[in-house]
Amino acid sequence: TNVARKLQEERGVQVDAVVLESPYTNIRDAAAHIPITKIYRQFPG
């Protein structure tokens, strides 16, 4: 999505399509939900 947006905004080029498999909204949301962080979510900070 970064590259598709950059091409569109900076070069006026639209890619033919974007397929997103197992996507997230943003990396912060993704990190908050990945299994490895589950144990740490309960701690302050």
PDB file of all heavy atoms in Angstrom:
ATOM      1  N   THR A   1       0.830  -1.212   0.000  1.00  0.00           N
ATOM      2  CA  THR A   1       0.000   0.000   0.000  1.00  0.00           C
ATOM      3  C   THR A   1       0.862   1.258   0.000  1.00  0.00           C
ATOM      4  O   THR A   1       0.501   2.257  -0.621  1.00  0.00           O
ATOM      5  CB  THR A   1      -0.995   0.029   1.177  1.00  0.00           C
ATOM      6  OG1 THR A   1      -0.289   0.053   2.422  1.00  0.00           O
ATOM      7  CG2 THR A   1      -1.958  -1.140   1.121  1.00  0.00           C
ATOM      8  N   ASN A   2       2.011   1.214   0.674  1.00  0.00           N
ATOM      9  CA  ASN A   2       2.935   2.358   0.652  1.00  0.00           C
ATOM     10  C   ASN A   2       3.369   2.676  -0.777  1.00  0.00           C
ATOM     11  O   ASN A   2       3.351   3.828  -1.209  1.00  0.00           O
ATOM     12  CB  ASN A   2       4.201   2.062   1.466  1.00  0.00           C
ATOM     13  CG  ASN A   2       4.066   2.345   2.934  1.00  0.00           C
ATOM     14  OD1 ASN A   2       3.076   2.877   3.408  1.00  0.00           O
ATOM     15  ND2 ASN A   2       5.084   1.971   3.678  1.00  0.00           N
ATOM     16  N   VAL A   3       3.796   1.652  -1.496  1.00  0.00           N
ATOM     17  CA  VAL A   3       4.325   1.856  -2.842  1.00  0.00           C
ATOM     18  C   VAL A   3       3.213   2.276  -3.799  1.00  0.00           C
ATOM     19  O   VAL A   3       3.400   3.182  -4.624  1.00  0.00           O
ATOM     20  CB  VAL A   3       5.074   0.609  -3.351  1.00  0.00           C
ATOM     21  CG1 VAL A   3       5.579   0.813  -4.776  1.00  0.00           C
ATOM     22  CG2 VAL A   3       6.238   0.282  -2.430  1.00  0.00           C
ATOM     23  N   ALA A   4       2.054   1.648  -3.699  1.00  0.00           N
ATOM     24  CA  ALA A   4       0.936   2.026  -4.573  1.00  0.00           C
ATOM     25  C   ALA A   4       0.563   3.497  -4.347  1.00  0.00           C
ATOM     26  O   ALA A   4       0.327   4.245  -5.305  1.00  0.00           O
ATOM     27  CB  ALA A   4      -0.268   1.122  -4.318  1.00  0.00           C
ATOM     28  N   ARG A   5       0.537   3.915  -3.106  1.00  0.00           N
ATOM     29  CA  ARG A   5       0.219   5.314  -2.807  1.00  0.00           C
ATOM     30  C   ARG A   5       1.314   6.245  -3.328  1.00  0.00           C
ATOM     31  O   ARG A   5       1.020   7.285  -3.917  1.00  0.00           O
ATOM     32  CB  ARG A   5       0.043   5.495  -1.304  1.00  0.00           C
ATOM     33  CG  ARG A   5      -0.290   6.929  -0.927  1.00  0.00           C
ATOM     34  CD  ARG A   5      -0.494   7.099   0.554  1.00  0.00           C
ATOM     35  NE  ARG A   5      -0.861   8.467   0.866  1.00  0.00           N
ATOM     36  CZ  ARG A   5      -1.243   8.871   2.069  1.00  0.00           C
ATOM     37  NH1 ARG A   5      -1.312   8.010   3.068  1.00  0.00           N
ATOM     38  NH2 ARG A   5      -1.564  10.139   2.262  1.00  0.00           N
ATOM     39  N   LYS A   6       2.559   5.875  -3.110  1.00  0.00           N
ATOM     40  CA  LYS A   6       3.682   6.717  -3.545  1.00  0.00           C
ATOM     41  C   LYS A   6       3.664   6.880  -5.067  1.00  0.00           C
ATOM     42  O   LYS A   6       3.853   7.983  -5.580  1.00  0.00           O
ATOM     43  CB  LYS A   6       4.996   6.107  -3.073  1.00  0.00           C
ATOM     44  CG  LYS A   6       6.188   7.029  -3.172  1.00  0.00           C
ATOM     45  CD  LYS A   6       7.382   6.411  -2.461  1.00  0.00           C
ATOM     46  CE  LYS A   6       8.499   7.375  -2.273  1.00  0.00           C
ATOM     47  NZ  LYS A   6       8.382   8.263  -1.145  1.00  0.00           N
ATOM     48  N   LEU A   7       3.434   5.800  -5.794  1.00  0.00           N
ATOM     49  CA  LEU A   7       3.351   5.876  -7.249  1.00  0.00           C
ATOM     50  C   LEU A   7       2.220   6.796  -7.693  1.00  0.00           C
ATOM     51  O   LEU A   7       2.376   7.599  -8.613  1.00  0.00           O
ATOM     52  CB  LEU A   7       3.147   4.484  -7.850  1.00  0.00           C
ATOM     53  CG  LEU A   7       4.370   3.591  -7.935  1.00  0.00           C
ATOM     54  CD1 LEU A   7       3.973   2.168  -8.293  1.00  0.00           C
ATOM     55  CD2 LEU A   7       5.362   4.142  -8.956  1.00  0.00           C
ATOM     56  N   GLN A   8       1.094   6.667  -7.037  1.00  0.00           N
ATOM     57  CA  GLN A   8      -0.080   7.462  -7.404  1.00  0.00           C
ATOM     58  C   GLN A   8       0.137   8.943  -7.104  1.00  0.00           C
ATOM     59  O   GLN A   8      -0.132   9.799  -7.943  1.00  0.00           O
ATOM     60  CB  GLN A   8      -1.307   6.932  -6.664  1.00  0.00           C
ATOM     61  CG  GLN A   8      -2.597   7.602  -7.047  1.00  0.00           C
ATOM     62  CD  GLN A   8      -3.786   6.928  -6.394  1.00  0.00           C
ATOM     63  OE1 GLN A   8      -4.030   5.749  -6.630  1.00  0.00           O
ATOM     64  NE2 GLN A   8      -4.515   7.664  -5.587  1.00  0.00           N
ATOM     65  N   GLU A   9       0.638   9.248  -5.905  1.00  0.00           N
ATOM     66  CA  GLU A   9       0.777  10.643  -5.495  1.00  0.00           C
ATOM     67  C   GLU A   9       1.993  11.340  -6.104  1.00  0.00           C
ATOM     68  O   GLU A   9       1.915  12.516  -6.455  1.00  0.00           O
ATOM     69  CB  GLU A   9       0.846  10.742  -3.970  1.00  0.00           C
ATOM     70  CG  GLU A   9      -0.460  10.423  -3.298  1.00  0.00           C
ATOM     71  CD  GLU A   9      -0.430  10.577  -1.789  1.00  0.00           C
ATOM     72  OE1 GLU A   9       0.667  10.521  -1.187  1.00  0.00           O
ATOM     73  OE2 GLU A   9      -1.518  10.756  -1.208  1.00  0.00           O
ATOM     74  N   GLU A  10       3.107  10.643  -6.225  1.00  0.00           N
ATOM     75  CA  GLU A  10       4.335  11.293  -6.674  1.00  0.00           C
ATOM     76  C   GLU A  10       4.585  11.182  -8.171  1.00  0.00           C
ATOM     77  O   GLU A  10       5.267  12.015  -8.747  1.00  0.00           O
ATOM     78  CB  GLU A  10       5.537  10.743  -5.898  1.00  0.00           C
ATOM     79  CG  GLU A  10       5.477  11.086  -4.423  1.00  0.00           C
ATOM     80  CD  GLU A  10       6.669  10.558  -3.630  1.00  0.00           C
ATOM     81  OE1 GLU A  10       7.639  10.056  -4.249  1.00  0.00           O
ATOM     82  OE2 GLU A  10       6.622  10.656  -2.392  1.00  0.00           O
ATOM     83  N   ARG A  11       4.033  10.135  -8.795  1.00  0.00           N
ATOM     84  CA  ARG A  11       4.275   9.955 -10.227  1.00  0.00           C
ATOM     85  C   ARG A  11       3.007  10.011 -11.057  1.00  0.00           C
ATOM     86  O   ARG A  11       3.067   9.948 -12.281  1.00  0.00           O
ATOM     87  CB  ARG A  11       4.970   8.617 -10.476  1.00  0.00           C
ATOM     88  CG  ARG A  11       6.329   8.476  -9.836  1.00  0.00           C
ATOM     89  CD  ARG A  11       6.957   7.193 -10.312  1.00  0.00           C
ATOM     90  NE  ARG A  11       8.160   6.845  -9.589  1.00  0.00           N
ATOM     91  CZ  ARG A  11       8.833   5.730  -9.792  1.00  0.00           C
ATOM     92  NH1 ARG A  11       8.428   4.864 -10.708  1.00  0.00           N
ATOM     93  NH2 ARG A  11       9.924   5.474  -9.091  1.00  0.00           N
ATOM     94  N   GLY A  12       1.851  10.031 -10.388  1.00  0.00           N
ATOM     95  CA  GLY A  12       0.589  10.017 -11.129  1.00  0.00           C
ATOM     96  C   GLY A  12       0.330   8.688 -11.808  1.00  0.00           C
ATOM     97  O   GLY A  12      -0.410   8.602 -12.779  1.00  0.00           O
ATOM     98  N   VAL A  13       0.939   7.621 -11.285  1.00  0.00           N
ATOM     99  CA  VAL A  13       0.820   6.275 -11.852  1.00  0.00           C
ATOM    100  C   VAL A  13      -0.065   5.438 -10.944  1.00  0.00           C
ATOM    101  O   VAL A  13       0.148   5.375  -9.737  1.00  0.00           O
ATOM    102  CB  VAL A  13       2.214   5.611 -11.974  1.00  0.00           C
ATOM    103  CG1 VAL A  13       2.089   4.147 -12.373  1.00  0.00           C
ATOM    104  CG2 VAL A  13       3.086   6.370 -12.947  1.00  0.00           C
ATOM    105  N   GLN A  14      -1.043   4.807 -11.550  1.00  0.00           N
ATOM    106  CA  GLN A  14      -1.906   3.909 -10.786  1.00  0.00           C
ATOM    107  C   GLN A  14      -1.565   2.477 -11.153  1.00  0.00           C
ATOM    108  O   GLN A  14      -1.578   2.123 -12.330  1.00  0.00           O
ATOM    109  CB  GLN A  14      -3.374   4.214 -11.111  1.00  0.00           C
ATOM    110  CG  GLN A  14      -4.356   3.392 -10.311  1.00  0.00           C
ATOM    111  CD  GLN A  14      -5.777   3.844 -10.573  1.00  0.00           C
ATOM    112  OE1 GLN A  14      -6.158   4.921 -10.181  1.00  0.00           O
ATOM    113  NE2 GLN A  14      -6.543   3.020 -11.240  1.00  0.00           N
ATOM    114  N   VAL A  15      -1.230   1.656 -10.154  1.00  0.00           N
ATOM    115  CA  VAL A  15      -0.956   0.252 -10.443  1.00  0.00           C
ATOM    116  C   VAL A  15      -2.258  -0.413 -10.877  1.00  0.00           C
ATOM    117  O   VAL A  15      -3.345   0.086 -10.605  1.00  0.00           O
ATOM    118  CB  VAL A  15      -0.324  -0.490  -9.238  1.00  0.00           C
ATOM    119  CG1 VAL A  15       1.036   0.080  -8.915  1.00  0.00           C
ATOM    120  CG2 VAL A  15      -1.222  -0.485  -8.036  1.00  0.00           C
ATOM    121  N   ASP A  16      -2.115  -1.544 -11.549  1.00  0.00           N
ATOM    122  CA  ASP A  16      -3.297  -2.203 -12.093  1.00  0.00           C
ATOM    123  C   ASP A  16      -4.191  -2.782 -11.010  1.00  0.00           C
ATOM    124  O   ASP A  16      -5.408  -2.846 -11.176  1.00  0.00           O
ATOM    125  CB  ASP A  16      -2.878  -3.277 -13.092  1.00  0.00           C
ATOM    126  CG  ASP A  16      -2.206  -2.655 -14.315  1.00  0.00           C
ATOM    127  OD1 ASP A  16      -2.844  -1.791 -14.960  1.00  0.00           O
ATOM    128  OD2 ASP A  16      -1.049  -2.998 -14.597  1.00  0.00           O
ATOM    129  N   ALA A  17      -3.605  -3.200  -9.889  1.00  0.00           N
ATOM    130  CA  ALA A  17      -4.381  -3.725  -8.767  1.00  0.00           C
ATOM    131  C   ALA A  17      -3.460  -3.941  -7.577  1.00  0.00           C
ATOM    132  O   ALA A  17      -2.246  -4.062  -7.732  1.00  0.00           O
ATOM    133  CB  ALA A  17      -5.068  -5.041  -9.140  1.00  0.00           C
ATOM    134  N   VAL A  18      -4.079  -4.007  -6.400  1.00  0.00           N
ATOM    135  CA  VAL A  18      -3.360  -4.342  -5.172  1.00  0.00           C
ATOM    136  C   VAL A  18      -4.119  -5.475  -4.499  1.00  0.00           C
ATOM    137  O   VAL A  18      -5.335  -5.394  -4.315  1.00  0.00           O
ATOM    138  CB  VAL A  18      -3.250  -3.127  -4.214  1.00  0.00           C
ATOM    139  CG1 VAL A  18      -2.618  -3.537  -2.891  1.00  0.00           C
ATOM    140  CG2 VAL A  18      -2.447  -1.999  -4.852  1.00  0.00           C
ATOM    141  N   VAL A  19      -3.405  -6.537  -4.153  1.00  0.00           N
ATOM    142  CA  VAL A  19      -3.979  -7.667  -3.419  1.00  0.00           C
ATOM    143  C   VAL A  19      -3.276  -7.721  -2.070  1.00  0.00           C
ATOM    144  O   VAL A  19      -2.046  -7.744  -1.994  1.00  0.00           O
ATOM    145  CB  VAL A  19      -3.780  -9.000  -4.183  1.00  0.00           C
ATOM    146  CG1 VAL A  19      -4.379 -10.159  -3.381  1.00  0.00           C
ATOM    147  CG2 VAL A  19      -4.385  -8.929  -5.575  1.00  0.00           C
ATOM    148  N   LEU A  20      -4.073  -7.735  -1.020  1.00  0.00           N
ATOM    149  CA  LEU A  20      -3.536  -7.771   0.336  1.00  0.00           C
ATOM    150  C   LEU A  20      -3.985  -9.063   1.009  1.00  0.00           C
ATOM    151  O   LEU A  20      -5.174  -9.293   1.204  1.00  0.00           O
ATOM    152  CB  LEU A  20      -4.027  -6.553   1.132  1.00  0.00           C
ATOM    153  CG  LEU A  20      -3.713  -5.192   0.511  1.00  0.00           C
ATOM    154  CD1 LEU A  20      -4.329  -4.073   1.351  1.00  0.00           C
ATOM    155  CD2 LEU A  20      -2.216  -5.000   0.354  1.00  0.00           C
ATOM    156  N   GLU A  21      -3.026  -9.887   1.351  1.00  0.00           N
ATOM    157  CA  GLU A  21      -3.287 -11.184   1.972  1.00  0.00           C
ATOM    158  C   GLU A  21      -2.892 -11.123   3.446  1.00  0.00           C
ATOM    159  O   GLU A  21      -1.747 -10.852   3.777  1.00  0.00           O
ATOM    160  CB  GLU A  21      -2.466 -12.244   1.236  1.00  0.00           C
ATOM    161  CG  GLU A  21      -2.663 -13.649   1.734  1.00  0.00           C
ATOM    162  CD  GLU A  21      -1.756 -14.636   0.995  1.00  0.00           C
ATOM    163  OE1 GLU A  21      -1.200 -14.305  -0.068  1.00  0.00           O
ATOM    164  OE2 GLU A  21      -1.609 -15.755   1.532  1.00  0.00           O
ATOM    165  N   SER A  22      -3.850 -11.346   4.319  1.00  0.00           N
ATOM    166  CA  SER A  22      -3.648 -11.275   5.770  1.00  0.00           C
ATOM    167  C   SER A  22      -3.150  -9.889   6.195  1.00  0.00           C
ATOM    168  O   SER A  22      -2.136  -9.759   6.882  1.00  0.00           O
ATOM    169  CB  SER A  22      -2.665 -12.347   6.250  1.00  0.00           C
ATOM    170  OG  SER A  22      -3.098 -13.629   5.871  1.00  0.00           O
ATOM    171  N   PRO A  23      -3.878  -8.834   5.796  1.00  0.00           N
ATOM    172  CA  PRO A  23      -3.404  -7.477   6.102  1.00  0.00           C
ATOM    173  C   PRO A  23      -3.818  -6.988   7.481  1.00  0.00           C
ATOM    174  O   PRO A  23      -4.635  -7.610   8.163  1.00  0.00           O
ATOM    175  CB  PRO A  23      -4.098  -6.639   5.036  1.00  0.00           C
ATOM    176  CG  PRO A  23      -5.419  -7.310   4.871  1.00  0.00           C
ATOM    177  CD  PRO A  23      -5.105  -8.794   5.008  1.00  0.00           C
ATOM    178  N   TYR A  24      -3.252  -5.875   7.838  1.00  0.00           N
ATOM    179  CA  TYR A  24      -3.540  -5.184   9.087  1.00  0.00           C
ATOM    180  C   TYR A  24      -3.825  -3.731   8.742  1.00  0.00           C
ATOM    181  O   TYR A  24      -3.581  -3.295   7.612  1.00  0.00           O
ATOM    182  CB  TYR A  24      -2.339  -5.289  10.036  1.00  0.00           C
ATOM    183  CG  TYR A  24      -1.039  -4.925   9.368  1.00  0.00           C
ATOM    184  CD1 TYR A  24      -0.600  -3.605   9.326  1.00  0.00           C
ATOM    185  CD2 TYR A  24      -0.272  -5.895   8.720  1.00  0.00           C
ATOM    186  CE1 TYR A  24       0.576  -3.259   8.664  1.00  0.00           C
ATOM    187  CE2 TYR A  24       0.899  -5.553   8.072  1.00  0.00           C
ATOM    188  CZ  TYR A  24       1.313  -4.232   8.036  1.00  0.00           C
ATOM    189  OH  TYR A  24       2.462  -3.898   7.387  1.00  0.00           O
ATOM    190  N   THR A  25      -4.298  -2.974   9.683  1.00  0.00           N
ATOM    191  CA  THR A  25      -4.586  -1.561   9.454  1.00  0.00           C
ATOM    192  C   THR A  25      -3.310  -0.727   9.463  1.00  0.00           C
ATOM    193  O   THR A  25      -3.074   0.082   8.581  1.00  0.00           O
ATOM    194  CB  THR A  25      -5.557  -1.041  10.520  1.00  0.00           C
ATOM    195  OG1 THR A  25      -5.069  -1.447  11.807  1.00  0.00           O
ATOM    196  CG2 THR A  25      -6.960  -1.589  10.314  1.00  0.00           C
ATOM    197  N   ASN A  26      -2.496  -0.926  10.474  1.00  0.00           N
ATOM    198  CA  ASN A  26      -1.199  -0.256  10.606  1.00  0.00           C
ATOM    199  C   ASN A  26      -0.354  -1.125  11.532  1.00  0.00           C
ATOM    200  O   ASN A  26      -0.875  -1.992  12.225  1.00  0.00           O
ATOM    201  CB  ASN A  26      -1.344   1.184  11.128  1.00  0.00           C
ATOM    202  CG  ASN A  26      -2.066   1.243  12.450  1.00  0.00           C
ATOM    203  OD1 ASN A  26      -1.551   0.776  13.466  1.00  0.00           O
ATOM    204  ND2 ASN A  26      -3.273   1.806  12.455  1.00  0.00           N
ATOM    205  N   ILE A  27       0.934  -0.888  11.535  1.00  0.00           N
ATOM    206  CA  ILE A  27       1.838  -1.793  12.259  1.00  0.00           C
ATOM    207  C   ILE A  27       1.598  -1.759  13.766  1.00  0.00           C
ATOM    208  O   ILE A  27       1.777  -2.755  14.462  1.00  0.00           O
ATOM    209  CB  ILE A  27       3.323  -1.523  11.896  1.00  0.00           C
ATOM    210  CG1 ILE A  27       4.191  -2.741  12.241  1.00  0.00           C
ATOM    211  CG2 ILE A  27       3.841  -0.278  12.583  1.00  0.00           C
ATOM    212  CD1 ILE A  27       3.953  -3.939  11.381  1.00  0.00           C
ATOM    213  N   ARG A  28       1.153  -0.633  14.283  1.00  0.00           N
ATOM    214  CA  ARG A  28       0.884  -0.536  15.723  1.00  0.00           C
ATOM    215  C   ARG A  28      -0.264  -1.469  16.106  1.00  0.00           C
ATOM    216  O   ARG A  28      -0.177  -2.202  17.085  1.00  0.00           O
ATOM    217  CB  ARG A  28       0.563   0.913  16.100  1.00  0.00           C
ATOM    218  CG  ARG A  28       0.511   1.149  17.592  1.00  0.00           C
ATOM    219  CD  ARG A  28       0.138   2.603  17.887  1.00  0.00           C
ATOM    220  NE  ARG A  28       0.536   3.184  19.120  1.00  0.00           N
ATOM    221  CZ  ARG A  28       0.319   2.748  20.345  1.00  0.00           C
ATOM    222  NH1 ARG A  28      -0.264   1.606  20.544  1.00  0.00           N
ATOM    223  NH2 ARG A  28       0.699   3.406  21.409  1.00  0.00           N
ATOM    224  N   ASP A  29      -1.341  -1.437  15.312  1.00  0.00           N
ATOM    225  CA  ASP A  29      -2.471  -2.336  15.568  1.00  0.00           C
ATOM    226  C   ASP A  29      -2.050  -3.798  15.434  1.00  0.00           C
ATOM    227  O   ASP A  29      -2.448  -4.643  16.239  1.00  0.00           O
ATOM    228  CB  ASP A  29      -3.622  -2.062  14.591  1.00  0.00           C
ATOM    229  CG  ASP A  29      -4.367  -0.777  14.872  1.00  0.00           C
ATOM    230  OD1 ASP A  29      -4.149  -0.157  15.942  1.00  0.00           O
ATOM    231  OD2 ASP A  29      -5.178  -0.379  14.013  1.00  0.00           O
ATOM    232  N   ALA A  30      -1.250  -4.082  14.425  1.00  0.00           N
ATOM    233  CA  ALA A  30      -0.806  -5.466  14.208  1.00  0.00           C
ATOM    234  C   ALA A  30       0.026  -5.951  15.386  1.00  0.00           C
ATOM    235  O   ALA A  30      -0.192  -7.053  15.905  1.00  0.00           O
ATOM    236  CB  ALA A  30      -0.011  -5.568  12.909  1.00  0.00           C
ATOM    237  N   ALA A  31       0.965  -5.123  15.829  1.00  0.00           N
ATOM    238  CA  ALA A  31       1.837  -5.511  16.949  1.00  0.00           C
ATOM    239  C   ALA A  31       1.042  -5.712  18.237  1.00  0.00           C
ATOM    240  O   ALA A  31       1.401  -6.539  19.067  1.00  0.00           O
ATOM    241  CB  ALA A  31       2.923  -4.462  17.159  1.00  0.00           C
ATOM    242  N   ALA A  32      -0.026  -4.973  18.377  1.00  0.00           N
ATOM    243  CA  ALA A  32      -0.858  -5.104  19.580  1.00  0.00           C
ATOM    244  C   ALA A  32      -1.630  -6.416  19.600  1.00  0.00           C
ATOM    245  O   ALA A  32      -2.133  -6.814  20.647  1.00  0.00           O
ATOM    246  CB  ALA A  32      -1.820  -3.931  19.674  1.00  0.00           C
ATOM    247  N   HIS A  33      -1.717  -7.097  18.455  1.00  0.00           N
ATOM    248  CA  HIS A  33      -2.525  -8.313  18.375  1.00  0.00           C
ATOM    249  C   HIS A  33      -1.740  -9.582  18.083  1.00  0.00           C
ATOM    250  O   HIS A  33      -2.299 -10.665  18.136  1.00  0.00           O
ATOM    251  CB  HIS A  33      -3.615  -8.138  17.312  1.00  0.00           C
ATOM    252  CG  HIS A  33      -4.672  -7.166  17.711  1.00  0.00           C
ATOM    253  ND1 HIS A  33      -4.585  -5.831  17.431  1.00  0.00           N
ATOM    254  CD2 HIS A  33      -5.817  -7.333  18.391  1.00  0.00           C
ATOM    255  CE1 HIS A  33      -5.635  -5.210  17.914  1.00  0.00           C
ATOM    256  NE2 HIS A  33      -6.397  -6.096  18.503  1.00  0.00           N
ATOM    257  N   ILE A  34      -0.455  -9.475  17.745  1.00  0.00           N
ATOM    258  CA  ILE A  34       0.270 -10.703  17.436  1.00  0.00           C
ATOM    259  C   ILE A  34       0.446 -11.537  18.716  1.00  0.00           C
ATOM    260  O   ILE A  34       0.560 -10.985  19.812  1.00  0.00           O
ATOM    261  CB  ILE A  34       1.624 -10.435  16.740  1.00  0.00           C
ATOM    262  CG1 ILE A  34       2.544  -9.590  17.615  1.00  0.00           C
ATOM    263  CG2 ILE A  34       1.429  -9.813  15.380  1.00  0.00           C
ATOM    264  CD1 ILE A  34       3.950  -9.457  17.055  1.00  0.00           C
ATOM    265  N   PRO A  35       0.441 -12.841  18.574  1.00  0.00           N
ATOM    266  CA  PRO A  35       0.472 -13.721  19.750  1.00  0.00           C
ATOM    267  C   PRO A  35       1.639 -13.481  20.706  1.00  0.00           C
ATOM    268  O   PRO A  35       1.473 -13.572  21.921  1.00  0.00           O
ATOM    269  CB  PRO A  35       0.551 -15.122  19.148  1.00  0.00           C
ATOM    270  CG  PRO A  35      -0.035 -14.993  17.794  1.00  0.00           C
ATOM    271  CD  PRO A  35       0.305 -13.605  17.329  1.00  0.00           C
ATOM    272  N   ILE A  36       2.800 -13.151  20.186  1.00  0.00           N
ATOM    273  CA  ILE A  36       3.966 -12.998  21.058  1.00  0.00           C
ATOM    274  C   ILE A  36       3.793 -11.853  22.068  1.00  0.00           C
ATOM    275  O   ILE A  36       4.412 -11.852  23.119  1.00  0.00           O
ATOM    276  CB  ILE A  36       5.255 -12.813  20.226  1.00  0.00           C
ATOM    277  CG1 ILE A  36       6.478 -13.088  21.083  1.00  0.00           C
ATOM    278  CG2 ILE A  36       5.323 -11.443  19.596  1.00  0.00           C
ATOM    279  CD1 ILE A  36       7.760 -13.227  20.293  1.00  0.00           C
ATOM    280  N   THR A  37       2.943 -10.902  21.772  1.00  0.00           N
ATOM    281  CA  THR A  37       2.747  -9.766  22.697  1.00  0.00           C
ATOM    282  C   THR A  37       1.658 -10.042  23.725  1.00  0.00           C
ATOM    283  O   THR A  37       1.488  -9.250  24.657  1.00  0.00           O
ATOM    284  CB  THR A  37       2.393  -8.471  21.942  1.00  0.00           C
ATOM    285  OG1 THR A  37       1.136  -8.626  21.280  1.00  0.00           O
ATOM    286  CG2 THR A  37       3.481  -8.097  20.952  1.00  0.00           C
ATOM    287  N   LYS A  38       0.945 -11.140  23.594  1.00  0.00           N
ATOM    288  CA  LYS A  38      -0.192 -11.414  24.476  1.00  0.00           C
ATOM    289  C   LYS A  38       0.186 -11.358  25.961  1.00  0.00           C
ATOM    290  O   LYS A  38      -0.507 -10.751  26.761  1.00  0.00           O
ATOM    291  CB  LYS A  38      -0.809 -12.769  24.134  1.00  0.00           C
ATOM    292  CG  LYS A  38      -2.101 -13.022  24.868  1.00  0.00           C
ATOM    293  CD  LYS A  38      -2.777 -14.283  24.384  1.00  0.00           C
ATOM    294  CE  LYS A  38      -4.116 -14.411  25.055  1.00  0.00           C
ATOM    295  NZ  LYS A  38      -4.904 -15.501  24.521  1.00  0.00           N
ATOM    296  N   ILE A  39       1.274 -11.965  26.325  1.00  0.00           N
ATOM    297  CA  ILE A  39       1.678 -12.002  27.727  1.00  0.00           C
ATOM    298  C   ILE A  39       2.045 -10.607  28.253  1.00  0.00           C
ATOM    299  O   ILE A  39       1.876 -10.299  29.419  1.00  0.00           O
ATOM    300  CB  ILE A  39       2.831 -13.003  27.955  1.00  0.00           C
ATOM    301  CG1 ILE A  39       3.020 -13.255  29.439  1.00  0.00           C
ATOM    302  CG2 ILE A  39       4.109 -12.512  27.298  1.00  0.00           C
ATOM    303  CD1 ILE A  39       3.917 -14.431  29.744  1.00  0.00           C
ATOM    304  N   TYR A  40       2.551  -9.751  27.360  1.00  0.00           N
ATOM    305  CA  TYR A  40       3.019  -8.419  27.784  1.00  0.00           C
ATOM    306  C   TYR A  40       1.916  -7.368  27.820  1.00  0.00           C
ATOM    307  O   TYR A  40       2.087  -6.318  28.428  1.00  0.00           O
ATOM    308  CB  TYR A  40       4.137  -7.945  26.850  1.00  0.00           C
ATOM    309  CG  TYR A  40       5.294  -8.886  26.820  1.00  0.00           C
ATOM    310  CD1 TYR A  40       5.530  -9.695  25.714  1.00  0.00           C
ATOM    311  CD2 TYR A  40       6.152  -8.997  27.917  1.00  0.00           C
ATOM    312  CE1 TYR A  40       6.587 -10.580  25.697  1.00  0.00           C
ATOM    313  CE2 TYR A  40       7.214  -9.894  27.906  1.00  0.00           C
ATOM    314  CZ  TYR A  40       7.422 -10.678  26.794  1.00  0.00           C
ATOM    315  OH  TYR A  40       8.474 -11.559  26.779  1.00  0.00           O
ATOM    316  N   ARG A  41       0.799  -7.637  27.152  1.00  0.00           N
ATOM    317  CA  ARG A  41      -0.284  -6.643  27.066  1.00  0.00           C
ATOM    318  C   ARG A  41      -0.834  -6.243  28.428  1.00  0.00           C
ATOM    319  O   ARG A  41      -1.362  -5.154  28.591  1.00  0.00           O
ATOM    320  CB  ARG A  41      -1.424  -7.182  26.205  1.00  0.00           C
ATOM    321  CG  ARG A  41      -1.055  -7.310  24.761  1.00  0.00           C
ATOM    322  CD  ARG A  41      -2.215  -7.867  23.949  1.00  0.00           C
ATOM    323  NE  ARG A  41      -1.661  -8.658  22.858  1.00  0.00           N
ATOM    324  CZ  ARG A  41      -2.305  -9.611  22.238  1.00  0.00           C
ATOM    325  NH1 ARG A  41      -3.545  -9.920  22.564  1.00  0.00           N
ATOM    326  NH2 ARG A  41      -1.723 -10.275  21.261  1.00  0.00           N
ATOM    327  N   GLN A  42      -0.730  -7.119  29.406  1.00  0.00           N
ATOM    328  CA  GLN A  42      -1.299  -6.846  30.732  1.00  0.00           C
ATOM    329  C   GLN A  42      -0.422  -5.919  31.576  1.00  0.00           C
ATOM    330  O   GLN A  42      -0.867  -5.378  32.575  1.00  0.00           O
ATOM    331  CB  GLN A  42      -1.527  -8.159  31.467  1.00  0.00           C
ATOM    332  CG  GLN A  42      -0.242  -8.929  31.743  1.00  0.00           C
ATOM    333  CD  GLN A  42      -0.488 -10.305  32.284  1.00  0.00           C
ATOM    334  OE1 GLN A  42      -1.559 -10.592  32.774  1.00  0.00           O
ATOM    335  NE2 GLN A  42       0.504 -11.175  32.191  1.00  0.00           N
ATOM    336  N   PHE A  43       0.821  -5.730  31.161  1.00  0.00           N
ATOM    337  CA  PHE A  43       1.742  -4.930  31.967  1.00  0.00           C
ATOM    338  C   PHE A  43       1.640  -3.441  31.634  1.00  0.00           C
ATOM    339  O   PHE A  43       1.476  -3.072  30.476  1.00  0.00           O
ATOM    340  CB  PHE A  43       3.184  -5.401  31.763  1.00  0.00           C
ATOM    341  CG  PHE A  43       3.441  -6.794  32.229  1.00  0.00           C
ATOM    342  CD1 PHE A  43       3.763  -7.795  31.323  1.00  0.00           C
ATOM    343  CD2 PHE A  43       3.336  -7.118  33.570  1.00  0.00           C
ATOM    344  CE1 PHE A  43       3.984  -9.097  31.747  1.00  0.00           C
ATOM    345  CE2 PHE A  43       3.569  -8.418  34.012  1.00  0.00           C
ATOM    346  CZ  PHE A  43       3.888  -9.407  33.099  1.00  0.00           C
ATOM    347  N   PRO A  44       1.776  -2.613  32.667  1.00  0.00           N
ATOM    348  CA  PRO A  44       1.779  -1.173  32.405  1.00  0.00           C
ATOM    349  C   PRO A  44       2.966  -0.813  31.517  1.00  0.00           C
ATOM    350  O   PRO A  44       4.032  -1.404  31.615  1.00  0.00           O
ATOM    351  CB  PRO A  44       1.959  -0.542  33.789  1.00  0.00           C
ATOM    352  CG  PRO A  44       1.785  -1.640  34.775  1.00  0.00           C
ATOM    353  CD  PRO A  44       1.945  -2.938  34.065  1.00  0.00           C
ATOM    354  N   GLY A  45       2.763   0.124  30.648  1.00  0.00           N
ATOM    355  CA  GLY A  45       3.831   0.567  29.767  1.00  0.00           C
ATOM    356  C   GLY A  45       3.947  -0.221  28.479  1.00  0.00           C
ATOM    357  O   GLY A  45       4.823   0.058  27.661  1.00  0.00           O
TER     358      GLY A  45
END
